[in-house]
PDB file of N, CA and C in Angstrom:
ATOM      1  N   UNK A   1      -7.755  -1.167   7.651  1.00  0.00           N
ATOM      2  CA  UNK A   1      -6.737  -0.442   7.669  1.00  0.00           C
ATOM      3  C   UNK A   1      -6.915   1.016   8.082  1.00  0.00           C
ATOM      4  N   UNK A   2      -8.185   1.579   7.857  1.00  0.00           N
ATOM      5  CA  UNK A   2      -8.572   2.757   8.520  1.00  0.00           C
ATOM      6  C   UNK A   2      -8.331   2.870   9.872  1.00  0.00           C
ATOM      7  N   UNK A   3      -8.429   1.741  10.646  1.00  0.00           N
ATOM      8  CA  UNK A   3      -8.116   2.027  12.160  1.00  0.00           C
ATOM      9  C   UNK A   3      -6.846   2.366  12.532  1.00  0.00           C
ATOM     10  N   UNK A   4      -5.869   2.362  11.842  1.00  0.00           N
ATOM     11  CA  UNK A   4      -4.413   2.562  11.788  1.00  0.00           C
ATOM     12  C   UNK A   4      -4.109   3.784  11.127  1.00  0.00           C
ATOM     13  N   UNK A   5      -5.005   4.389  10.512  1.00  0.00           N
ATOM     14  CA  UNK A   5      -4.902   5.803   9.907  1.00  0.00           C
ATOM     15  C   UNK A   5      -4.927   5.705   8.254  1.00  0.00           C
ATOM     16  N   UNK A   6      -5.022   4.766   7.583  1.00  0.00           N
ATOM     17  CA  UNK A   6      -4.990   4.686   6.029  1.00  0.00           C
ATOM     18  C   UNK A   6      -6.538   5.547   5.629  1.00  0.00           C
ATOM     19  N   UNK A   7      -6.136   6.391   4.680  1.00  0.00           N
ATOM     20  CA  UNK A   7      -7.310   7.161   4.216  1.00  0.00           C
ATOM     21  C   UNK A   7      -8.413   6.188   3.494  1.00  0.00           C
ATOM     22  N   UNK A   8      -8.041   4.984   2.496  1.00  0.00           N
ATOM     23  CA  UNK A   8      -8.451   4.279   1.834  1.00  0.00           C
ATOM     24  C   UNK A   8      -7.810   3.011   1.777  1.00  0.00           C
ATOM     25  N   UNK A   9      -8.369   1.826   1.294  1.00  0.00           N
ATOM     26  CA  UNK A   9      -7.669   0.687   1.079  1.00  0.00           C
ATOM     27  C   UNK A   9      -8.430  -0.170   0.176  1.00  0.00           C
ATOM     28  N   UNK A  10      -7.734  -1.129  -0.468  1.00  0.00           N
ATOM     29  CA  UNK A  10      -8.555  -2.077  -1.247  1.00  0.00           C
ATOM     30  C   UNK A  10      -7.513  -3.292  -1.738  1.00  0.00           C
ATOM     31  N   UNK A  11      -8.330  -4.070  -2.527  1.00  0.00           N
ATOM     32  CA  UNK A  11      -7.752  -5.386  -3.014  1.00  0.00           C
ATOM     33  C   UNK A  11      -7.638  -5.441  -4.440  1.00  0.00           C
ATOM     34  N   UNK A  12      -6.540  -5.910  -5.149  1.00  0.00           N
ATOM     35  CA  UNK A  12      -6.699  -6.105  -6.522  1.00  0.00           C
ATOM     36  C   UNK A  12      -7.568  -6.907  -7.009  1.00  0.00           C
ATOM     37  N   UNK A  13      -7.966  -6.890  -8.182  1.00  0.00           N
ATOM     38  CA  UNK A  13      -9.026  -7.939  -8.919  1.00  0.00           C
ATOM     39  C   UNK A  13      -8.375  -9.249  -9.259  1.00  0.00           C
ATOM     40  N   UNK A  14      -6.961  -9.068  -9.635  1.00  0.00           N
ATOM     41  CA  UNK A  14      -6.346 -10.163 -10.439  1.00  0.00           C
ATOM     42  C   UNK A  14      -5.271 -10.595  -9.519  1.00  0.00           C
ATOM     43  N   UNK A  15      -5.323 -10.667  -8.097  1.00  0.00           N
ATOM     44  CA  UNK A  15      -4.150 -11.319  -7.401  1.00  0.00           C
ATOM     45  C   UNK A  15      -4.581 -10.899  -5.921  1.00  0.00           C
ATOM     46  N   UNK A  16      -3.584 -11.675  -5.062  1.00  0.00           N
ATOM     47  CA  UNK A  16      -3.702 -11.078  -3.672  1.00  0.00           C
ATOM     48  C   UNK A  16      -2.768  -9.828  -3.176  1.00  0.00           C
ATOM     49  N   UNK A  17      -3.285  -8.806  -3.779  1.00  0.00           N
ATOM     50  CA  UNK A  17      -2.606  -7.491  -3.491  1.00  0.00           C
ATOM     51  C   UNK A  17      -3.355  -6.735  -2.820  1.00  0.00           C
ATOM     52  N   UNK A  18      -3.040  -6.027  -1.638  1.00  0.00           N
ATOM     53  CA  UNK A  18      -3.739  -5.275  -0.889  1.00  0.00           C
ATOM     54  C   UNK A  18      -2.847  -3.821  -1.058  1.00  0.00           C
ATOM     55  N   UNK A  19      -3.655  -2.961  -1.060  1.00  0.00           N
ATOM     56  CA  UNK A  19      -3.058  -1.647  -1.064  1.00  0.00           C
ATOM     57  C   UNK A  19      -3.720  -0.366  -0.055  1.00  0.00           C
ATOM     58  N   UNK A  20      -3.063   0.414   0.187  1.00  0.00           N
ATOM     59  CA  UNK A  20      -3.714   1.650   1.051  1.00  0.00           C
ATOM     60  C   UNK A  20      -3.165   2.978   0.802  1.00  0.00           C
ATOM     61  N   UNK A  21      -3.921   3.857   0.876  1.00  0.00           N
ATOM     62  CA  UNK A  21      -3.607   5.296   0.504  1.00  0.00           C
ATOM     63  C   UNK A  21      -3.392   6.059   1.879  1.00  0.00           C
ATOM     64  N   UNK A  22      -2.464   6.711   2.052  1.00  0.00           N
ATOM     65  CA  UNK A  22      -1.961   7.140   3.122  1.00  0.00           C
ATOM     66  C   UNK A  22      -1.600   8.926   3.048  1.00  0.00           C
ATOM     67  N   UNK A  23      -1.815   9.651   3.821  1.00  0.00           N
ATOM     68  CA  UNK A  23      -1.532  10.972   3.858  1.00  0.00           C
ATOM     69  C   UNK A  23      -0.167  11.475   4.314  1.00  0.00           C
ATOM     70  N   UNK A  24       0.308  10.576   4.870  1.00  0.00           N
ATOM     71  CA  UNK A  24       1.669  11.001   5.740  1.00  0.00           C
ATOM     72  C   UNK A  24       2.571   9.721   5.878  1.00  0.00           C
ATOM     73  N   UNK A  25       3.917   9.823   5.516  1.00  0.00           N
ATOM     74  CA  UNK A  25       4.811   8.864   5.651  1.00  0.00           C
ATOM     75  C   UNK A  25       4.844   8.120   6.770  1.00  0.00           C
ATOM     76  N   UNK A  26       4.482   8.718   7.770  1.00  0.00           N
ATOM     77  CA  UNK A  26       4.488   7.873   9.197  1.00  0.00           C
ATOM     78  C   UNK A  26       3.297   6.911   9.130  1.00  0.00           C
ATOM     79  N   UNK A  27       2.248   7.473   8.589  1.00  0.00           N
ATOM     80  CA  UNK A  27       1.107   6.511   8.498  1.00  0.00           C
ATOM     81  C   UNK A  27       1.336   5.452   7.448  1.00  0.00           C
ATOM     82  N   UNK A  28       1.842   5.806   6.462  1.00  0.00           N
ATOM     83  CA  UNK A  28       2.334   4.629   5.519  1.00  0.00           C
ATOM     84  C   UNK A  28       3.329   3.543   6.067  1.00  0.00           C
ATOM     85  N   UNK A  29       4.125   4.050   6.850  1.00  0.00           N
ATOM     86  CA  UNK A  29       5.181   3.031   7.417  1.00  0.00           C
ATOM     87  C   UNK A  29       4.145   2.212   8.639  1.00  0.00           C
ATOM     88  N   UNK A  30       3.261   2.611   9.294  1.00  0.00           N
ATOM     89  CA  UNK A  30       2.598   2.213  10.264  1.00  0.00           C
ATOM     90  C   UNK A  30       1.720   1.035   9.717  1.00  0.00           C
ATOM     91  N   UNK A  31       1.161   1.409   8.477  1.00  0.00           N
ATOM     92  CA  UNK A  31       0.218   0.344   7.681  1.00  0.00           C
ATOM     93  C   UNK A  31       1.354  -0.654   7.160  1.00  0.00           C
ATOM     94  N   UNK A  32       2.355  -0.426   6.687  1.00  0.00           N
ATOM     95  CA  UNK A  32       3.490  -1.323   6.111  1.00  0.00           C
ATOM     96  C   UNK A  32       3.812  -2.335   7.200  1.00  0.00           C
ATOM     97  N   UNK A  33       3.950  -1.785   8.420  1.00  0.00           N
ATOM     98  CA  UNK A  33       4.291  -2.776   9.612  1.00  0.00           C
ATOM     99  C   UNK A  33       3.182  -3.599   9.820  1.00  0.00           C
ATOM    100  N   UNK A  34       2.097  -2.942   9.911  1.00  0.00           N
ATOM    101  CA  UNK A  34       0.807  -3.793  10.270  1.00  0.00           C
ATOM    102  C   UNK A  34       0.551  -4.963   9.361  1.00  0.00           C
ATOM    103  N   UNK A  35       0.941  -4.565   7.969  1.00  0.00           N
ATOM    104  CA  UNK A  35       0.691  -5.589   6.950  1.00  0.00           C
ATOM    105  C   UNK A  35       1.882  -6.552   7.122  1.00  0.00           C
ATOM    106  N   UNK A  36       2.948  -6.277   7.218  1.00  0.00           N
ATOM    107  CA  UNK A  36       4.193  -7.064   7.539  1.00  0.00           C
ATOM    108  C   UNK A  36       3.826  -8.218   8.490  1.00  0.00           C
ATOM    109  N   UNK A  37       3.240  -7.870   9.681  1.00  0.00           N
ATOM    110  CA  UNK A  37       2.936  -8.618  10.978  1.00  0.00           C
ATOM    111  C   UNK A  37       1.694  -9.342  10.748  1.00  0.00           C
ATOM    112  N   UNK A  38       0.614  -8.860  10.200  1.00  0.00           N
ATOM    113  CA  UNK A  38      -0.594  -9.584  10.075  1.00  0.00           C
ATOM    114  C   UNK A  38      -1.041 -10.013   8.751  1.00  0.00           C
ATOM    115  N   UNK A  39      -0.348  -9.850   7.509  1.00  0.00           N
ATOM    116  CA  UNK A  39      -0.878 -10.319   6.371  1.00  0.00           C
ATOM    117  C   UNK A  39       0.044 -11.271   5.651  1.00  0.00           C
ATOM    118  N   UNK A  40       1.319 -10.925   5.742  1.00  0.00           N
ATOM    119  CA  UNK A  40       2.193 -11.846   5.060  1.00  0.00           C
ATOM    120  C   UNK A  40       2.122 -13.166   5.806  1.00  0.00           C
ATOM    121  N   UNK A  41       2.247 -14.047   4.672  1.00  0.00           N
ATOM    122  CA  UNK A  41       2.215 -15.771   5.317  1.00  0.00           C
ATOM    123  C   UNK A  41       3.238 -16.506   4.850  1.00  0.00           C
ATOM    124  N   UNK A  42       4.240 -16.082   4.251  1.00  0.00           N
ATOM    125  CA  UNK A  42       5.316 -16.752   3.575  1.00  0.00           C
ATOM    126  C   UNK A  42       6.567 -15.650   3.341  1.00  0.00           C
ATOM    127  N   UNK A  43       7.655 -16.228   2.881  1.00  0.00           N
ATOM    128  CA  UNK A  43       8.801 -15.523   2.217  1.00  0.00           C
ATOM    129  C   UNK A  43       8.301 -15.031   0.885  1.00  0.00           C
ATOM    130  N   UNK A  44       7.371 -15.385   0.514  1.00  0.00           N
ATOM    131  CA  UNK A  44       7.284 -14.894  -1.105  1.00  0.00           C
ATOM    132  C   UNK A  44       6.724 -13.667  -1.253  1.00  0.00           C
ATOM    133  N   UNK A  45       5.902 -13.153  -0.315  1.00  0.00           N
ATOM    134  CA  UNK A  45       5.194 -11.568  -0.061  1.00  0.00           C
ATOM    135  C   UNK A  45       6.033 -10.588   0.243  1.00  0.00           C
ATOM    136  N   UNK A  46       5.768  -9.283   0.237  1.00  0.00           N
ATOM    137  CA  UNK A  46       6.559  -8.242   0.615  1.00  0.00           C
ATOM    138  C   UNK A  46       5.590  -6.994   0.648  1.00  0.00           C
ATOM    139  N   UNK A  47       6.019  -6.049   1.334  1.00  0.00           N
ATOM    140  CA  UNK A  47       5.364  -4.938   1.503  1.00  0.00           C
ATOM    141  C   UNK A  47       6.326  -3.693   0.898  1.00  0.00           C
ATOM    142  N   UNK A  48       5.514  -2.796   0.187  1.00  0.00           N
ATOM    143  CA  UNK A  48       6.600  -1.681  -0.550  1.00  0.00           C
ATOM    144  C   UNK A  48       5.626  -0.369  -0.475  1.00  0.00           C
ATOM    145  N   UNK A  49       6.242   0.564  -0.043  1.00  0.00           N
ATOM    146  CA  UNK A  49       5.929   1.981   0.248  1.00  0.00           C
ATOM    147  C   UNK A  49       6.468   2.526  -1.078  1.00  0.00           C
ATOM    148  N   UNK A  50       5.268   3.243  -1.825  1.00  0.00           N
ATOM    149  CA  UNK A  50       5.524   4.114  -3.006  1.00  0.00           C
ATOM    150  C   UNK A  50       5.013   5.595  -2.832  1.00  0.00           C
ATOM    151  N   UNK A  51       5.478   6.362  -3.422  1.00  0.00           N
ATOM    152  CA  UNK A  51       5.041   7.612  -3.360  1.00  0.00           C
ATOM    153  C   UNK A  51       3.919   7.790  -4.789  1.00  0.00           C
ATOM    154  N   UNK A  52       2.810   8.464  -4.535  1.00  0.00           N
ATOM    155  CA  UNK A  52       1.930   8.812  -5.708  1.00  0.00           C
ATOM    156  C   UNK A  52       2.531   9.642  -6.786  1.00  0.00           C
ATOM    157  N   UNK A  53       2.154   9.074  -7.792  1.00  0.00           N
ATOM    158  CA  UNK A  53       2.594   9.873  -9.111  1.00  0.00           C
ATOM    159  C   UNK A  53       1.598  11.017  -9.495  1.00  0.00           C
ATOM    160  N   UNK A  54       2.346  12.296  -9.313  1.00  0.00           N
ATOM    161  CA  UNK A  54       1.223  13.432  -9.265  1.00  0.00           C
ATOM    162  C   UNK A  54       1.347  14.134 -10.692  1.00  0.00           C
ATOM    163  N   UNK A  55       2.052  13.551 -11.737  1.00  0.00           N
ATOM    164  CA  UNK A  55       2.185  14.009 -13.301  1.00  0.00           C
ATOM    165  C   UNK A  55       1.165  13.879 -13.898  1.00  0.00           C
ATOM    166  N   UNK A  56       0.511  12.808 -13.682  1.00  0.00           N
ATOM    167  CA  UNK A  56      -0.799  12.475 -14.702  1.00  0.00           C
ATOM    168  C   UNK A  56      -0.395  11.563 -15.762  1.00  0.00           C
ATOM    169  N   UNK A  57      -1.490  11.486 -16.647  1.00  0.00           N
ATOM    170  CA  UNK A  57      -0.999  10.854 -17.999  1.00  0.00           C
ATOM    171  C   UNK A  57      -0.162  11.633 -19.084  1.00  0.00           C
ATOM    172  N   UNK A  58       0.661  10.770 -19.383  1.00  0.00           N
ATOM    173  CA  UNK A  58       1.695  11.440 -20.533  1.00  0.00           C
ATOM    174  C   UNK A  58       2.162  10.421 -21.406  1.00  0.00           C
ATOM    175  N   UNK A  59       2.524  10.772 -22.613  1.00  0.00           N
ATOM    176  CA  UNK A  59       3.009  10.184 -23.589  1.00  0.00           C
ATOM    177  C   UNK A  59       4.445   9.899 -23.296  1.00  0.00           C
ATOM    178  N   UNK A  60       5.029   8.586 -23.275  1.00  0.00           N
ATOM    179  CA  UNK A  60       6.278   8.239 -22.880  1.00  0.00           C
ATOM    180  C   UNK A  60       7.105   7.545 -24.121  1.00  0.00           C
ATOM    181  N   UNK A  61       6.462   7.173 -25.262  1.00  0.00           N
ATOM    182  CA  UNK A  61       7.129   6.698 -26.318  1.00  0.00           C
ATOM    183  C   UNK A  61       6.700   7.080 -27.533  1.00  0.00           C
TER     184      UNK A  61
END
C-alpha cells in the first residue's frame, strides 16, 4: 500500500484485517478505495477510515 501513499501497513495477528497509516485524509480515501477494489472478496467485509486517538492511555471506569 506504500505505492499509493500509506506511511505503513500491516495485518492483524488474529484475523484477516489489514490496516494502513496515512498522513492525509485524501491518502486514506485512496487506500480505502484500493482495498475495496482489490481486497474485499464478498459482502462480509468492509473498509473503514478512522482517526487516530491522540489522547493516549487514560482510565475510563
